[in-house]
Every structure is written in C-alpha cells, then in structure tokens.
Amino acid sequence: MNRIVTAISMTGVIFAGTQARAVDSAQPKTNKHQTIVQIVGCMKKRMSADRSSSYNAAMKACKEQINKESDNLPSGALVASDTPPKP
C-alpha cells in the first residue's frame, strides 16, 4: 500500500515539474536560426564597412551586439493593435 501511495505522489510531482518548466518556456526567445541570420547580417555590414577588420573580431562584436539586444527585449505579450490591453 505504501508503494502505491509513493508511486502516485511521485507521478504528481513529475507532472507538476513538467508544467512548471512549460510555463517558463513560454517566454519569447529567438531561435537558433534567427540568431544566426542576425549575426550574418551584422558581420556583412561590419566587414564591408571596414575591410581591415578580421572575421573573428567581427564575429565577437556581432555576438555581443545580438546578446545585448536580446537582453533588452521587454518581457510580456506583444500586442499588434493601437489600443493598449485592458487590465
């Protein structure tokens, strides 16, 4: 009987843990492809503007720039309408 109660409680803990992770993953994040596209575009601009810059220096600068931009994004829902959402 104790094993059944333990199994049921462990199952509940497992499902609660997966639900908690699902809520955290609802935050908008850029996916890997979008990040790569942003870095490539940044590197093209940097390297065409300054021919003497190295590939590695441009890569490092662009990664830092993209990371700063993604850290500054506001969290929350994005609304495409002119009127603000009602509280």
C-alpha atoms as a PDB file:
ATOM      1  CA  MET A   1       0.000   0.000   0.000  1.00  0.00           C
ATOM      2  CA  ASN A   2       2.840   2.396   0.793  1.00  0.00           C
ATOM      3  CA  ARG A   3       4.381   1.774  -2.622  1.00  0.00           C
ATOM      4  CA  ILE A   4       1.143   2.716  -4.373  1.00  0.00           C
ATOM      5  CA  VAL A   5       0.847   5.985  -2.431  1.00  0.00           C
ATOM      6  CA  THR A   6       4.509   6.746  -3.115  1.00  0.00           C
ATOM      7  CA  ALA A   7       4.103   5.997  -6.828  1.00  0.00           C
ATOM      8  CA  ILE A   8       1.026   8.209  -7.100  1.00  0.00           C
ATOM      9  CA  SER A   9       2.690  11.096  -5.268  1.00  0.00           C
ATOM     10  CA  MET A  10       5.860  10.805  -7.386  1.00  0.00           C
ATOM     11  CA  THR A  11       3.757  10.849 -10.555  1.00  0.00           C
ATOM     12  CA  GLY A  12       2.075  14.039  -9.356  1.00  0.00           C
ATOM     13  CA  VAL A  13       5.443  15.647  -8.626  1.00  0.00           C
ATOM     14  CA  ILE A  14       6.744  14.723 -12.069  1.00  0.00           C
ATOM     15  CA  PHE A  15       3.699  16.208 -13.824  1.00  0.00           C
ATOM     16  CA  ALA A  16       3.839  19.360 -11.702  1.00  0.00           C
ATOM     17  CA  GLY A  17       7.519  19.782 -12.561  1.00  0.00           C
ATOM     18  CA  THR A  18       6.900  19.487 -16.287  1.00  0.00           C
ATOM     19  CA  GLN A  19       4.092  22.042 -16.085  1.00  0.00           C
ATOM     20  CA  ALA A  20       6.374  24.482 -14.244  1.00  0.00           C
ATOM     21  CA  ARG A  21       9.021  24.146 -16.973  1.00  0.00           C
ATOM     22  CA  ALA A  22       6.359  24.659 -19.645  1.00  0.00           C
ATOM     23  CA  VAL A  23       5.353  27.984 -18.095  1.00  0.00           C
ATOM     24  CA  ASP A  24       8.982  29.169 -18.041  1.00  0.00           C
ATOM     25  CA  SER A  25       9.495  28.210 -21.666  1.00  0.00           C
ATOM     26  CA  ALA A  26       6.560  30.396 -22.722  1.00  0.00           C
ATOM     27  CA  GLN A  27       8.909  33.413 -22.664  1.00  0.00           C
ATOM     28  CA  PRO A  28       9.598  34.630 -26.205  1.00  0.00           C
ATOM     29  CA  LYS A  29      13.103  33.701 -27.262  1.00  0.00           C
ATOM     30  CA  THR A  30      14.877  33.930 -30.542  1.00  0.00           C
ATOM     31  CA  ASN A  31      15.579  30.578 -32.018  1.00  0.00           C
ATOM     32  CA  LYS A  32      18.977  29.476 -33.270  1.00  0.00           C
ATOM     33  CA  HIS A  33      18.220  30.181 -36.936  1.00  0.00           C
ATOM     34  CA  GLN A  34      17.100  33.746 -36.230  1.00  0.00           C
ATOM     35  CA  THR A  35      20.234  34.389 -34.190  1.00  0.00           C
ATOM     36  CA  ILE A  36      22.486  33.081 -36.957  1.00  0.00           C
ATOM     37  CA  VAL A  37      20.711  35.233 -39.553  1.00  0.00           C
ATOM     38  CA  GLN A  38      21.159  38.303 -37.353  1.00  0.00           C
ATOM     39  CA  ILE A  39      24.851  37.575 -36.802  1.00  0.00           C
ATOM     40  CA  VAL A  40      25.491  37.017 -40.522  1.00  0.00           C
ATOM     41  CA  GLY A  41      23.775  40.284 -41.422  1.00  0.00           C
ATOM     42  CA  CYS A  42      25.745  42.150 -38.783  1.00  0.00           C
ATOM     43  CA  MET A  43      29.021  40.618 -39.954  1.00  0.00           C
ATOM     44  CA  LYS A  44      28.333  41.543 -43.587  1.00  0.00           C
ATOM     45  CA  LYS A  45      27.747  45.154 -42.578  1.00  0.00           C
ATOM     46  CA  ARG A  46      30.853  45.300 -40.376  1.00  0.00           C
ATOM     47  CA  MET A  47      33.204  43.639 -42.804  1.00  0.00           C
ATOM     48  CA  SER A  48      32.015  45.678 -45.811  1.00  0.00           C
ATOM     49  CA  ALA A  49      32.386  48.920 -43.845  1.00  0.00           C
ATOM     50  CA  ASP A  50      35.877  48.078 -42.546  1.00  0.00           C
ATOM     51  CA  ARG A  51      37.910  45.836 -44.846  1.00  0.00           C
ATOM     52  CA  SER A  52      40.785  45.619 -42.362  1.00  0.00           C
ATOM     53  CA  SER A  53      38.690  44.009 -39.607  1.00  0.00           C
ATOM     54  CA  SER A  54      39.172  40.303 -39.078  1.00  0.00           C
ATOM     55  CA  TYR A  55      36.442  37.693 -39.315  1.00  0.00           C
ATOM     56  CA  ASN A  56      36.893  36.690 -35.664  1.00  0.00           C
ATOM     57  CA  ALA A  57      36.719  40.286 -34.424  1.00  0.00           C
ATOM     58  CA  ALA A  58      33.543  40.895 -36.403  1.00  0.00           C
ATOM     59  CA  MET A  59      32.022  37.641 -35.107  1.00  0.00           C
ATOM     60  CA  LYS A  60      32.789  38.555 -31.498  1.00  0.00           C
ATOM     61  CA  ALA A  61      31.424  42.093 -31.833  1.00  0.00           C
ATOM     62  CA  CYS A  62      28.255  40.918 -33.551  1.00  0.00           C
ATOM     63  CA  LYS A  63      27.578  38.209 -30.975  1.00  0.00           C
ATOM     64  CA  GLU A  64      27.938  40.765 -28.193  1.00  0.00           C
ATOM     65  CA  GLN A  65      25.619  43.156 -30.023  1.00  0.00           C
ATOM     66  CA  ILE A  66      22.948  40.479 -30.576  1.00  0.00           C
ATOM     67  CA  ASN A  67      23.173  39.337 -26.948  1.00  0.00           C
ATOM     68  CA  LYS A  68      22.750  42.914 -25.699  1.00  0.00           C
ATOM     69  CA  GLU A  69      19.725  43.397 -27.953  1.00  0.00           C
ATOM     70  CA  SER A  70      18.097  40.171 -26.771  1.00  0.00           C
ATOM     71  CA  ASP A  71      18.683  41.125 -23.122  1.00  0.00           C
ATOM     72  CA  ASN A  72      16.972  44.474 -23.660  1.00  0.00           C
ATOM     73  CA  LEU A  73      13.783  42.988 -25.128  1.00  0.00           C
ATOM     74  CA  PRO A  74      10.727  43.640 -22.973  1.00  0.00           C
ATOM     75  CA  SER A  75       9.141  40.569 -21.481  1.00  0.00           C
ATOM     76  CA  GLY A  76       5.435  40.010 -21.847  1.00  0.00           C
ATOM     77  CA  ALA A  77       2.917  39.710 -24.618  1.00  0.00           C
ATOM     78  CA  LEU A  78       3.333  41.718 -27.786  1.00  0.00           C
ATOM     79  CA  VAL A  79       0.151  43.389 -28.973  1.00  0.00           C
ATOM     80  CA  ALA A  80      -0.235  44.489 -32.588  1.00  0.00           C
ATOM     81  CA  SER A  81      -3.227  46.762 -32.006  1.00  0.00           C
ATOM     82  CA  ASP A  82      -3.331  50.521 -31.470  1.00  0.00           C
ATOM     83  CA  THR A  83      -5.226  50.284 -28.217  1.00  0.00           C
ATOM     84  CA  PRO A  84      -3.444  49.076 -25.080  1.00  0.00           C
ATOM     85  CA  PRO A  85      -4.703  45.852 -23.483  1.00  0.00           C
ATOM     86  CA  LYS A  86      -7.246  46.205 -20.715  1.00  0.00           C
ATOM     87  CA  PRO A  87      -6.006  45.275 -17.202  1.00  0.00           C
END
